[in-house]
Amino acid sequence: MARQYRVIVTPKAADDLRQEHEWLQERNPRAAEDWLTGMRKLILGLASMPQAHAVAPESAEFNVEIRRALYGRATRWRVYFTIMDETVQVLHVRHGRRSDWQP
């Protein structure tokens, strides 16, 4: 059986998700709900095989290894996370058109 990790979404990442969802909701409510459903699936999916996602280029700027999962067409959204023991901690969510994440 594959190893399962506990997934924790930090307050910062939860706020990122909330803000992005609100922005989308104002422009296209149907797309906003689809986006939120897809993001939830991606984040919950980190419970199995989070190592399948690449180390983020921004990782060198931090004191811990940061990985990123990509969501959407043309890798539009980045979900940044760490893996520590049995826990995946989601740190930040941002649109792919924004500049790289800085500590």
PDB file of N, CA and C in Angstrom:
ATOM      1  N   MET A   1       0.839  -1.182   0.000  1.00  0.00           N
ATOM      2  CA  MET A   1       0.000   0.000   0.000  1.00  0.00           C
ATOM      3  C   MET A   1       0.886   1.248   0.000  1.00  0.00           C
ATOM      4  N   ALA A   2       0.486   2.232  -0.776  1.00  0.00           N
ATOM      5  CA  ALA A   2       1.261   3.468  -0.877  1.00  0.00           C
ATOM      6  C   ALA A   2       1.186   4.262   0.419  1.00  0.00           C
ATOM      7  N   ARG A   3       2.274   4.912   0.713  1.00  0.00           N
ATOM      8  CA  ARG A   3       2.348   5.770   1.897  1.00  0.00           C
ATOM      9  C   ARG A   3       1.378   6.946   1.752  1.00  0.00           C
ATOM     10  N   GLN A   4       0.691   7.282   2.818  1.00  0.00           N
ATOM     11  CA  GLN A   4      -0.241   8.413   2.828  1.00  0.00           C
ATOM     12  C   GLN A   4       0.294   9.506   3.747  1.00  0.00           C
ATOM     13  N   TYR A   5       0.199  10.720   3.299  1.00  0.00           N
ATOM     14  CA  TYR A   5       0.648  11.880   4.056  1.00  0.00           C
ATOM     15  C   TYR A   5      -0.557  12.661   4.560  1.00  0.00           C
ATOM     16  N   ARG A   6      -0.355  13.335   5.646  1.00  0.00           N
ATOM     17  CA  ARG A   6      -1.363  14.259   6.164  1.00  0.00           C
ATOM     18  C   ARG A   6      -1.148  15.595   5.447  1.00  0.00           C
ATOM     19  N   VAL A   7      -2.204  16.175   4.915  1.00  0.00           N
ATOM     20  CA  VAL A   7      -2.103  17.445   4.195  1.00  0.00           C
ATOM     21  C   VAL A   7      -2.653  18.560   5.076  1.00  0.00           C
ATOM     22  N   ILE A   8      -1.829  19.578   5.288  1.00  0.00           N
ATOM     23  CA  ILE A   8      -2.219  20.752   6.067  1.00  0.00           C
ATOM     24  C   ILE A   8      -2.115  21.974   5.154  1.00  0.00           C
ATOM     25  N   VAL A   9      -3.168  22.765   5.119  1.00  0.00           N
ATOM     26  CA  VAL A   9      -3.164  24.016   4.362  1.00  0.00           C
ATOM     27  C   VAL A   9      -2.935  25.145   5.362  1.00  0.00           C
ATOM     28  N   THR A  10      -1.849  25.881   5.187  1.00  0.00           N
ATOM     29  CA  THR A  10      -1.534  26.981   6.108  1.00  0.00           C
ATOM     30  C   THR A  10      -2.565  28.104   5.961  1.00  0.00           C
ATOM     31  N   PRO A  11      -2.676  28.950   6.976  1.00  0.00           N
ATOM     32  CA  PRO A  11      -3.583  30.101   6.852  1.00  0.00           C
ATOM     33  C   PRO A  11      -3.263  30.969   5.631  1.00  0.00           C
ATOM     34  N   LYS A  12      -1.981  31.144   5.312  1.00  0.00           N
ATOM     35  CA  LYS A  12      -1.582  31.935   4.138  1.00  0.00           C
ATOM     36  C   LYS A  12      -2.127  31.309   2.862  1.00  0.00           C
ATOM     37  N   ALA A  13      -1.957  30.002   2.705  1.00  0.00           N
ATOM     38  CA  ALA A  13      -2.442  29.321   1.504  1.00  0.00           C
ATOM     39  C   ALA A  13      -3.968  29.346   1.440  1.00  0.00           C
ATOM     40  N   ALA A  14      -4.630  29.170   2.581  1.00  0.00           N
ATOM     41  CA  ALA A  14      -6.098  29.236   2.615  1.00  0.00           C
ATOM     42  C   ALA A  14      -6.569  30.622   2.189  1.00  0.00           C
ATOM     43  N   ASP A  15      -5.868  31.652   2.636  1.00  0.00           N
ATOM     44  CA  ASP A  15      -6.213  33.018   2.252  1.00  0.00           C
ATOM     45  C   ASP A  15      -5.980  33.236   0.757  1.00  0.00           C
ATOM     46  N   ASP A  16      -4.880  32.688   0.233  1.00  0.00           N
ATOM     47  CA  ASP A  16      -4.610  32.771  -1.206  1.00  0.00           C
ATOM     48  C   ASP A  16      -5.764  32.158  -1.994  1.00  0.00           C
ATOM     49  N   LEU A  17      -6.188  30.964  -1.586  1.00  0.00           N
ATOM     50  CA  LEU A  17      -7.284  30.276  -2.271  1.00  0.00           C
ATOM     51  C   LEU A  17      -8.571  31.095  -2.204  1.00  0.00           C
ATOM     52  N   ARG A  18      -8.862  31.619  -1.051  1.00  0.00           N
ATOM     53  CA  ARG A  18     -10.078  32.419  -0.863  1.00  0.00           C
ATOM     54  C   ARG A  18     -10.051  33.663  -1.765  1.00  0.00           C
ATOM     55  N   GLN A  19      -8.931  34.363  -1.782  1.00  0.00           N
ATOM     56  CA  GLN A  19      -8.823  35.577  -2.601  1.00  0.00           C
ATOM     57  C   GLN A  19      -8.949  35.274  -4.093  1.00  0.00           C
ATOM     58  N   GLU A  20      -8.268  34.238  -4.544  1.00  0.00           N
ATOM     59  CA  GLU A  20      -8.333  33.877  -5.963  1.00  0.00           C
ATOM     60  C   GLU A  20      -9.745  33.447  -6.339  1.00  0.00           C
ATOM     61  N   HIS A  21     -10.400  32.683  -5.460  1.00  0.00           N
ATOM     62  CA  HIS A  21     -11.765  32.239  -5.724  1.00  0.00           C
ATOM     63  C   HIS A  21     -12.709  33.440  -5.810  1.00  0.00           C
ATOM     64  N   GLU A  22     -12.575  34.385  -4.898  1.00  0.00           N
ATOM     65  CA  GLU A  22     -13.427  35.584  -4.923  1.00  0.00           C
ATOM     66  C   GLU A  22     -13.219  36.379  -6.212  1.00  0.00           C
ATOM     67  N   TRP A  23     -11.968  36.515  -6.628  1.00  0.00           N
ATOM     68  CA  TRP A  23     -11.664  37.238  -7.863  1.00  0.00           C
ATOM     69  C   TRP A  23     -12.329  36.558  -9.054  1.00  0.00           C
ATOM     70  N   LEU A  24     -12.195  35.233  -9.137  1.00  0.00           N
ATOM     71  CA  LEU A  24     -12.823  34.484 -10.226  1.00  0.00           C
ATOM     72  C   LEU A  24     -14.345  34.549 -10.138  1.00  0.00           C
ATOM     73  N   GLN A  25     -14.873  34.467  -8.928  1.00  0.00           N
ATOM     74  CA  GLN A  25     -16.321  34.474  -8.704  1.00  0.00           C
ATOM     75  C   GLN A  25     -16.955  35.749  -9.272  1.00  0.00           C
ATOM     76  N   GLU A  26     -16.279  36.868  -9.136  1.00  0.00           N
ATOM     77  CA  GLU A  26     -16.792  38.139  -9.659  1.00  0.00           C
ATOM     78  C   GLU A  26     -16.862  38.146 -11.184  1.00  0.00           C
ATOM     79  N   ARG A  27     -15.993  37.393 -11.824  1.00  0.00           N
ATOM     80  CA  ARG A  27     -15.897  37.414 -13.278  1.00  0.00           C
ATOM     81  C   ARG A  27     -16.648  36.274 -13.953  1.00  0.00           C
ATOM     82  N   ASN A  28     -16.605  35.092 -13.330  1.00  0.00           N
ATOM     83  CA  ASN A  28     -17.238  33.921 -13.935  1.00  0.00           C
ATOM     84  C   ASN A  28     -17.555  32.912 -12.829  1.00  0.00           C
ATOM     85  N   PRO A  29     -18.744  32.992 -12.232  1.00  0.00           N
ATOM     86  CA  PRO A  29     -19.079  32.126 -11.096  1.00  0.00           C
ATOM     87  C   PRO A  29     -18.925  30.631 -11.388  1.00  0.00           C
ATOM     88  N   ARG A  30     -19.330  30.189 -12.558  1.00  0.00           N
ATOM     89  CA  ARG A  30     -19.224  28.763 -12.900  1.00  0.00           C
ATOM     90  C   ARG A  30     -17.749  28.334 -12.944  1.00  0.00           C
ATOM     91  N   ALA A  31     -16.933  29.123 -13.599  1.00  0.00           N
ATOM     92  CA  ALA A  31     -15.504  28.810 -13.681  1.00  0.00           C
ATOM     93  C   ALA A  31     -14.867  28.838 -12.296  1.00  0.00           C
ATOM     94  N   ALA A  32     -15.323  29.747 -11.444  1.00  0.00           N
ATOM     95  CA  ALA A  32     -14.774  29.843 -10.088  1.00  0.00           C
ATOM     96  C   ALA A  32     -15.034  28.563  -9.304  1.00  0.00           C
ATOM     97  N   GLU A  33     -16.233  28.009  -9.425  1.00  0.00           N
ATOM     98  CA  GLU A  33     -16.553  26.771  -8.705  1.00  0.00           C
ATOM     99  C   GLU A  33     -15.763  25.592  -9.263  1.00  0.00           C
ATOM    100  N   ASP A  34     -15.629  25.531 -10.577  1.00  0.00           N
ATOM    101  CA  ASP A  34     -14.824  24.472 -11.196  1.00  0.00           C
ATOM    102  C   ASP A  34     -13.369  24.575 -10.746  1.00  0.00           C
ATOM    103  N   TRP A  35     -12.852  25.804 -10.701  1.00  0.00           N
ATOM    104  CA  TRP A  35     -11.476  26.033 -10.274  1.00  0.00           C
ATOM    105  C   TRP A  35     -11.276  25.558  -8.835  1.00  0.00           C
ATOM    106  N   LEU A  36     -12.199  25.940  -7.954  1.00  0.00           N
ATOM    107  CA  LEU A  36     -12.075  25.563  -6.546  1.00  0.00           C
ATOM    108  C   LEU A  36     -12.147  24.049  -6.371  1.00  0.00           C
ATOM    109  N   THR A  37     -13.036  23.402  -7.098  1.00  0.00           N
ATOM    110  CA  THR A  37     -13.135  21.938  -7.043  1.00  0.00           C
ATOM    111  C   THR A  37     -11.828  21.299  -7.505  1.00  0.00           C
ATOM    112  N   GLY A  38     -11.275  21.804  -8.599  1.00  0.00           N
ATOM    113  CA  GLY A  38     -10.017  21.273  -9.114  1.00  0.00           C
ATOM    114  C   GLY A  38      -8.853  21.495  -8.169  1.00  0.00           C
ATOM    115  N   MET A  39      -8.796  22.668  -7.562  1.00  0.00           N
ATOM    116  CA  MET A  39      -7.724  22.951  -6.603  1.00  0.00           C
ATOM    117  C   MET A  39      -7.834  22.048  -5.382  1.00  0.00           C
ATOM    118  N   ARG A  40      -9.048  21.831  -4.907  1.00  0.00           N
ATOM    119  CA  ARG A  40      -9.234  20.927  -3.761  1.00  0.00           C
ATOM    120  C   ARG A  40      -8.744  19.521  -4.098  1.00  0.00           C
ATOM    121  N   LYS A  41      -9.094  19.040  -5.297  1.00  0.00           N
ATOM    122  CA  LYS A  41      -8.646  17.705  -5.712  1.00  0.00           C
ATOM    123  C   LYS A  41      -7.125  17.632  -5.766  1.00  0.00           C
ATOM    124  N   LEU A  42      -6.515  18.653  -6.337  1.00  0.00           N
ATOM    125  CA  LEU A  42      -5.055  18.683  -6.433  1.00  0.00           C
ATOM    126  C   LEU A  42      -4.426  18.665  -5.045  1.00  0.00           C
ATOM    127  N   ILE A  43      -4.911  19.523  -4.157  1.00  0.00           N
ATOM    128  CA  ILE A  43      -4.329  19.630  -2.816  1.00  0.00           C
ATOM    129  C   ILE A  43      -4.548  18.347  -2.024  1.00  0.00           C
ATOM    130  N   LEU A  44      -5.750  17.797  -2.064  1.00  0.00           N
ATOM    131  CA  LEU A  44      -5.998  16.534  -1.357  1.00  0.00           C
ATOM    132  C   LEU A  44      -5.184  15.395  -1.963  1.00  0.00           C
ATOM    133  N   GLY A  45      -4.925  15.468  -3.263  1.00  0.00           N
ATOM    134  CA  GLY A  45      -4.121  14.457  -3.935  1.00  0.00           C
ATOM    135  C   GLY A  45      -2.664  14.446  -3.494  1.00  0.00           C
ATOM    136  N   LEU A  46      -2.221  15.515  -2.860  1.00  0.00           N
ATOM    137  CA  LEU A  46      -0.847  15.552  -2.348  1.00  0.00           C
ATOM    138  C   LEU A  46      -0.635  14.543  -1.226  1.00  0.00           C
ATOM    139  N   ALA A  47      -1.712  13.982  -0.698  1.00  0.00           N
ATOM    140  CA  ALA A  47      -1.605  12.975   0.362  1.00  0.00           C
ATOM    141  C   ALA A  47      -0.909  11.712  -0.135  1.00  0.00           C
ATOM    142  N   SER A  48      -0.951  11.471  -1.427  1.00  0.00           N
ATOM    143  CA  SER A  48      -0.249  10.311  -1.979  1.00  0.00           C
ATOM    144  C   SER A  48       0.750  10.791  -3.034  1.00  0.00           C
ATOM    145  N   MET A  49       1.967  10.404  -2.870  1.00  0.00           N
ATOM    146  CA  MET A  49       3.064  10.689  -3.793  1.00  0.00           C
ATOM    147  C   MET A  49       3.327  12.180  -4.033  1.00  0.00           C
ATOM    148  N   PRO A  50       3.478  12.969  -2.991  1.00  0.00           N
ATOM    149  CA  PRO A  50       3.788  14.387  -3.207  1.00  0.00           C
ATOM    150  C   PRO A  50       5.152  14.587  -3.870  1.00  0.00           C
ATOM    151  N   GLN A  51       6.026  13.579  -3.754  1.00  0.00           N
ATOM    152  CA  GLN A  51       7.354  13.673  -4.369  1.00  0.00           C
ATOM    153  C   GLN A  51       7.281  13.648  -5.892  1.00  0.00           C
ATOM    154  N   ALA A  52       6.125  13.299  -6.439  1.00  0.00           N
ATOM    155  CA  ALA A  52       5.970  13.285  -7.894  1.00  0.00           C
ATOM    156  C   ALA A  52       6.025  14.695  -8.475  1.00  0.00           C
ATOM    157  N   HIS A  53       5.848  15.686  -7.633  1.00  0.00           N
ATOM    158  CA  HIS A  53       5.900  17.079  -8.081  1.00  0.00           C
ATOM    159  C   HIS A  53       7.327  17.607  -7.933  1.00  0.00           C
ATOM    160  N   ALA A  54       7.723  18.410  -8.879  1.00  0.00           N
ATOM    161  CA  ALA A  54       9.102  18.901  -8.933  1.00  0.00           C
ATOM    162  C   ALA A  54       9.423  19.875  -7.803  1.00  0.00           C
ATOM    163  N   VAL A  55      10.704  19.928  -7.491  1.00  0.00           N
ATOM    164  CA  VAL A  55      11.195  20.957  -6.577  1.00  0.00           C
ATOM    165  C   VAL A  55      11.026  22.294  -7.298  1.00  0.00           C
ATOM    166  N   ALA A  56      10.485  23.271  -6.600  1.00  0.00           N
ATOM    167  CA  ALA A  56      10.237  24.589  -7.193  1.00  0.00           C
ATOM    168  C   ALA A  56      11.550  25.318  -7.441  1.00  0.00           C
ATOM    169  N   PRO A  57      11.656  26.035  -8.543  1.00  0.00           N
ATOM    170  CA  PRO A  57      12.862  26.825  -8.787  1.00  0.00           C
ATOM    171  C   PRO A  57      13.151  27.791  -7.637  1.00  0.00           C
ATOM    172  N   GLU A  58      12.101  28.260  -6.988  1.00  0.00           N
ATOM    173  CA  GLU A  58      12.247  29.196  -5.873  1.00  0.00           C
ATOM    174  C   GLU A  58      12.822  28.542  -4.617  1.00  0.00           C
ATOM    175  N   SER A  59      12.895  27.228  -4.589  1.00  0.00           N
ATOM    176  CA  SER A  59      13.306  26.495  -3.395  1.00  0.00           C
ATOM    177  C   SER A  59      14.671  26.935  -2.872  1.00  0.00           C
ATOM    178  N   ALA A  60      15.568  27.294  -3.758  1.00  0.00           N
ATOM    179  CA  ALA A  60      16.921  27.696  -3.353  1.00  0.00           C
ATOM    180  C   ALA A  60      16.909  28.931  -2.452  1.00  0.00           C
ATOM    181  N   GLU A  61      15.841  29.702  -2.497  1.00  0.00           N
ATOM    182  CA  GLU A  61      15.728  30.923  -1.697  1.00  0.00           C
ATOM    183  C   GLU A  61      15.243  30.659  -0.269  1.00  0.00           C
ATOM    184  N   PHE A  62      14.846  29.431   0.011  1.00  0.00           N
ATOM    185  CA  PHE A  62      14.274  29.086   1.309  1.00  0.00           C
ATOM    186  C   PHE A  62      15.194  28.138   2.076  1.00  0.00           C
ATOM    187  N   ASN A  63      14.932  27.964   3.355  1.00  0.00           N
ATOM    188  CA  ASN A  63      15.737  27.071   4.196  1.00  0.00           C
ATOM    189  C   ASN A  63      15.283  25.623   4.135  1.00  0.00           C
ATOM    190  N   VAL A  64      14.163  25.363   3.473  1.00  0.00           N
ATOM    191  CA  VAL A  64      13.647  24.004   3.319  1.00  0.00           C
ATOM    192  C   VAL A  64      13.331  23.774   1.849  1.00  0.00           C
ATOM    193  N   GLU A  65      13.236  22.498   1.480  1.00  0.00           N
ATOM    194  CA  GLU A  65      12.886  22.172   0.104  1.00  0.00           C
ATOM    195  C   GLU A  65      11.413  22.504  -0.142  1.00  0.00           C
ATOM    196  N   ILE A  66      11.175  23.293  -1.159  1.00  0.00           N
ATOM    197  CA  ILE A  66       9.825  23.681  -1.550  1.00  0.00           C
ATOM    198  C   ILE A  66       9.512  22.998  -2.878  1.00  0.00           C
ATOM    199  N   ARG A  67       8.393  22.327  -2.921  1.00  0.00           N
ATOM    200  CA  ARG A  67       7.931  21.714  -4.165  1.00  0.00           C
ATOM    201  C   ARG A  67       6.739  22.493  -4.678  1.00  0.00           C
ATOM    202  N   ARG A  68       6.425  22.275  -5.955  1.00  0.00           N
ATOM    203  CA  ARG A  68       5.244  22.952  -6.479  1.00  0.00           C
ATOM    204  C   ARG A  68       4.455  22.010  -7.372  1.00  0.00           C
ATOM    205  N   ALA A  69       3.149  22.065  -7.179  1.00  0.00           N
ATOM    206  CA  ALA A  69       2.203  21.350  -8.030  1.00  0.00           C
ATOM    207  C   ALA A  69       1.563  22.385  -8.945  1.00  0.00           C
ATOM    208  N   LEU A  70       1.307  21.996 -10.172  1.00  0.00           N
ATOM    209  CA  LEU A  70       0.747  22.919 -11.151  1.00  0.00           C
ATOM    210  C   LEU A  70      -0.685  22.520 -11.473  1.00  0.00           C
ATOM    211  N   TYR A  71      -1.541  23.516 -11.641  1.00  0.00           N
ATOM    212  CA  TYR A  71      -2.950  23.264 -11.925  1.00  0.00           C
ATOM    213  C   TYR A  71      -3.443  24.202 -13.020  1.00  0.00           C
ATOM    214  N   GLY A  72      -4.225  23.654 -13.933  1.00  0.00           N
ATOM    215  CA  GLY A  72      -4.864  24.456 -14.970  1.00  0.00           C
ATOM    216  C   GLY A  72      -4.157  24.341 -16.301  1.00  0.00           C
ATOM    217  N   ARG A  73      -4.803  24.898 -17.296  1.00  0.00           N
ATOM    218  CA  ARG A  73      -4.221  24.894 -18.637  1.00  0.00           C
ATOM    219  C   ARG A  73      -2.948  25.729 -18.649  1.00  0.00           C
ATOM    220  N   ALA A  74      -1.991  25.252 -19.373  1.00  0.00           N
ATOM    221  CA  ALA A  74      -0.708  25.959 -19.524  1.00  0.00           C
ATOM    222  C   ALA A  74      -0.083  26.278 -18.158  1.00  0.00           C
ATOM    223  N   THR A  75      -0.256  25.353 -17.209  1.00  0.00           N
ATOM    224  CA  THR A  75       0.316  25.476 -15.848  1.00  0.00           C
ATOM    225  C   THR A  75       0.040  26.843 -15.238  1.00  0.00           C
ATOM    226  N   ARG A  76      -1.197  27.215 -15.193  1.00  0.00           N
ATOM    227  CA  ARG A  76      -1.580  28.562 -14.762  1.00  0.00           C
ATOM    228  C   ARG A  76      -1.443  28.815 -13.270  1.00  0.00           C
ATOM    229  N   TRP A  77      -1.653  27.842 -12.424  1.00  0.00           N
ATOM    230  CA  TRP A  77      -1.625  28.044 -10.973  1.00  0.00           C
ATOM    231  C   TRP A  77      -0.516  27.207 -10.356  1.00  0.00           C
ATOM    232  N   ARG A  78       0.141  27.759  -9.354  1.00  0.00           N
ATOM    233  CA  ARG A  78       1.230  27.065  -8.656  1.00  0.00           C
ATOM    234  C   ARG A  78       0.817  26.866  -7.201  1.00  0.00           C
ATOM    235  N   VAL A  79       0.946  25.647  -6.737  1.00  0.00           N
ATOM    236  CA  VAL A  79       0.667  25.319  -5.334  1.00  0.00           C
ATOM    237  C   VAL A  79       2.004  24.917  -4.722  1.00  0.00           C
ATOM    238  N   TYR A  80       2.514  25.720  -3.809  1.00  0.00           N
ATOM    239  CA  TYR A  80       3.809  25.483  -3.177  1.00  0.00           C
ATOM    240  C   TYR A  80       3.615  24.731  -1.868  1.00  0.00           C
ATOM    241  N   PHE A  81       4.472  23.726  -1.641  1.00  0.00           N
ATOM    242  CA  PHE A  81       4.336  22.924  -0.429  1.00  0.00           C
ATOM    243  C   PHE A  81       5.669  22.329  -0.002  1.00  0.00           C
ATOM    244  N   THR A  82       5.720  21.892   1.249  1.00  0.00           N
ATOM    245  CA  THR A  82       6.871  21.170   1.785  1.00  0.00           C
ATOM    246  C   THR A  82       6.412  19.784   2.208  1.00  0.00           C
ATOM    247  N   ILE A  83       7.373  18.887   2.304  1.00  0.00           N
ATOM    248  CA  ILE A  83       7.123  17.541   2.820  1.00  0.00           C
ATOM    249  C   ILE A  83       8.023  17.371   4.029  1.00  0.00           C
ATOM    250  N   MET A  84       7.418  17.135   5.179  1.00  0.00           N
ATOM    251  CA  MET A  84       8.177  16.912   6.410  1.00  0.00           C
ATOM    252  C   MET A  84       7.616  15.679   7.096  1.00  0.00           C
ATOM    253  N   ASP A  85       8.433  14.651   7.146  1.00  0.00           N
ATOM    254  CA  ASP A  85       8.028  13.380   7.731  1.00  0.00           C
ATOM    255  C   ASP A  85       6.752  12.883   7.051  1.00  0.00           C
ATOM    256  N   GLU A  86       5.658  12.798   7.803  1.00  0.00           N
ATOM    257  CA  GLU A  86       4.393  12.275   7.281  1.00  0.00           C
ATOM    258  C   GLU A  86       3.425  13.391   6.892  1.00  0.00           C
ATOM    259  N   THR A  87       3.918  14.620   6.793  1.00  0.00           N
ATOM    260  CA  THR A  87       3.040  15.767   6.572  1.00  0.00           C
ATOM    261  C   THR A  87       3.430  16.556   5.327  1.00  0.00           C
ATOM    262  N   VAL A  88       2.424  16.901   4.551  1.00  0.00           N
ATOM    263  CA  VAL A  88       2.572  17.836   3.438  1.00  0.00           C
ATOM    264  C   VAL A  88       1.937  19.136   3.903  1.00  0.00           C
ATOM    265  N   GLN A  89       2.709  20.207   3.854  1.00  0.00           N
ATOM    266  CA  GLN A  89       2.201  21.501   4.290  1.00  0.00           C
ATOM    267  C   GLN A  89       2.118  22.425   3.074  1.00  0.00           C
ATOM    268  N   VAL A  90       0.888  22.811   2.715  1.00  0.00           N
ATOM    269  CA  VAL A  90       0.670  23.729   1.597  1.00  0.00           C
ATOM    270  C   VAL A  90       0.920  25.139   2.113  1.00  0.00           C
ATOM    271  N   LEU A  91       1.867  25.828   1.475  1.00  0.00           N
ATOM    272  CA  LEU A  91       2.335  27.123   1.957  1.00  0.00           C
ATOM    273  C   LEU A  91       1.744  28.320   1.225  1.00  0.00           C
ATOM    274  N   HIS A  92       1.553  28.167  -0.087  1.00  0.00           N
ATOM    275  CA  HIS A  92       1.202  29.343  -0.885  1.00  0.00           C
ATOM    276  C   HIS A  92       0.602  28.888  -2.208  1.00  0.00           C
ATOM    277  N   VAL A  93      -0.338  29.683  -2.726  1.00  0.00           N
ATOM    278  CA  VAL A  93      -0.945  29.438  -4.037  1.00  0.00           C
ATOM    279  C   VAL A  93      -0.877  30.747  -4.810  1.00  0.00           C
ATOM    280  N   ARG A  94      -0.419  30.670  -6.063  1.00  0.00           N
ATOM    281  CA  ARG A  94      -0.343  31.895  -6.868  1.00  0.00           C
ATOM    282  C   ARG A  94      -0.518  31.573  -8.343  1.00  0.00           C
ATOM    283  N   HIS A  95      -0.954  32.560  -9.082  1.00  0.00           N
ATOM    284  CA  HIS A  95      -1.159  32.420 -10.519  1.00  0.00           C
ATOM    285  C   HIS A  95       0.194  32.361 -11.219  1.00  0.00           C
ATOM    286  N   GLY A  96       0.289  31.565 -12.252  1.00  0.00           N
ATOM    287  CA  GLY A  96       1.533  31.385 -12.980  1.00  0.00           C
ATOM    288  C   GLY A  96       2.054  32.622 -13.686  1.00  0.00           C
ATOM    289  N   ARG A  97       1.203  33.593 -13.934  1.00  0.00           N
ATOM    290  CA  ARG A  97       1.657  34.824 -14.590  1.00  0.00           C
ATOM    291  C   ARG A  97       2.339  35.782 -13.626  1.00  0.00           C
ATOM    292  N   ARG A  98       2.201  35.518 -12.352  1.00  0.00           N
ATOM    293  CA  ARG A  98       2.881  36.366 -11.364  1.00  0.00           C
ATOM    294  C   ARG A  98       4.348  35.960 -11.285  1.00  0.00           C
ATOM    295  N   SER A  99       5.179  36.848 -10.808  1.00  0.00           N
ATOM    296  CA  SER A  99       6.606  36.549 -10.694  1.00  0.00           C
ATOM    297  C   SER A  99       6.833  35.425  -9.684  1.00  0.00           C
ATOM    298  N   ASP A 100       8.033  34.878  -9.686  1.00  0.00           N
ATOM    299  CA  ASP A 100       8.361  33.794  -8.765  1.00  0.00           C
ATOM    300  C   ASP A 100       8.156  34.231  -7.323  1.00  0.00           C
ATOM    301  N   TRP A 101       7.875  33.262  -6.486  1.00  0.00           N
ATOM    302  CA  TRP A 101       7.632  33.504  -5.072  1.00  0.00           C
ATOM    303  C   TRP A 101       8.950  33.806  -4.373  1.00  0.00           C
ATOM    304  N   GLN A 102       8.978  34.829  -3.560  1.00  0.00           N
ATOM    305  CA  GLN A 102      10.169  35.209  -2.798  1.00  0.00           C
ATOM    306  C   GLN A 102       9.905  35.048  -1.307  1.00  0.00           C
ATOM    307  N   PRO A 103      10.934  34.635  -0.539  1.00  0.00           N
ATOM    308  CA  PRO A 103      10.738  34.507   0.918  1.00  0.00           C
ATOM    309  C   PRO A 103      10.531  35.861   1.579  1.00  0.00           C
TER     310      PRO A 103
END
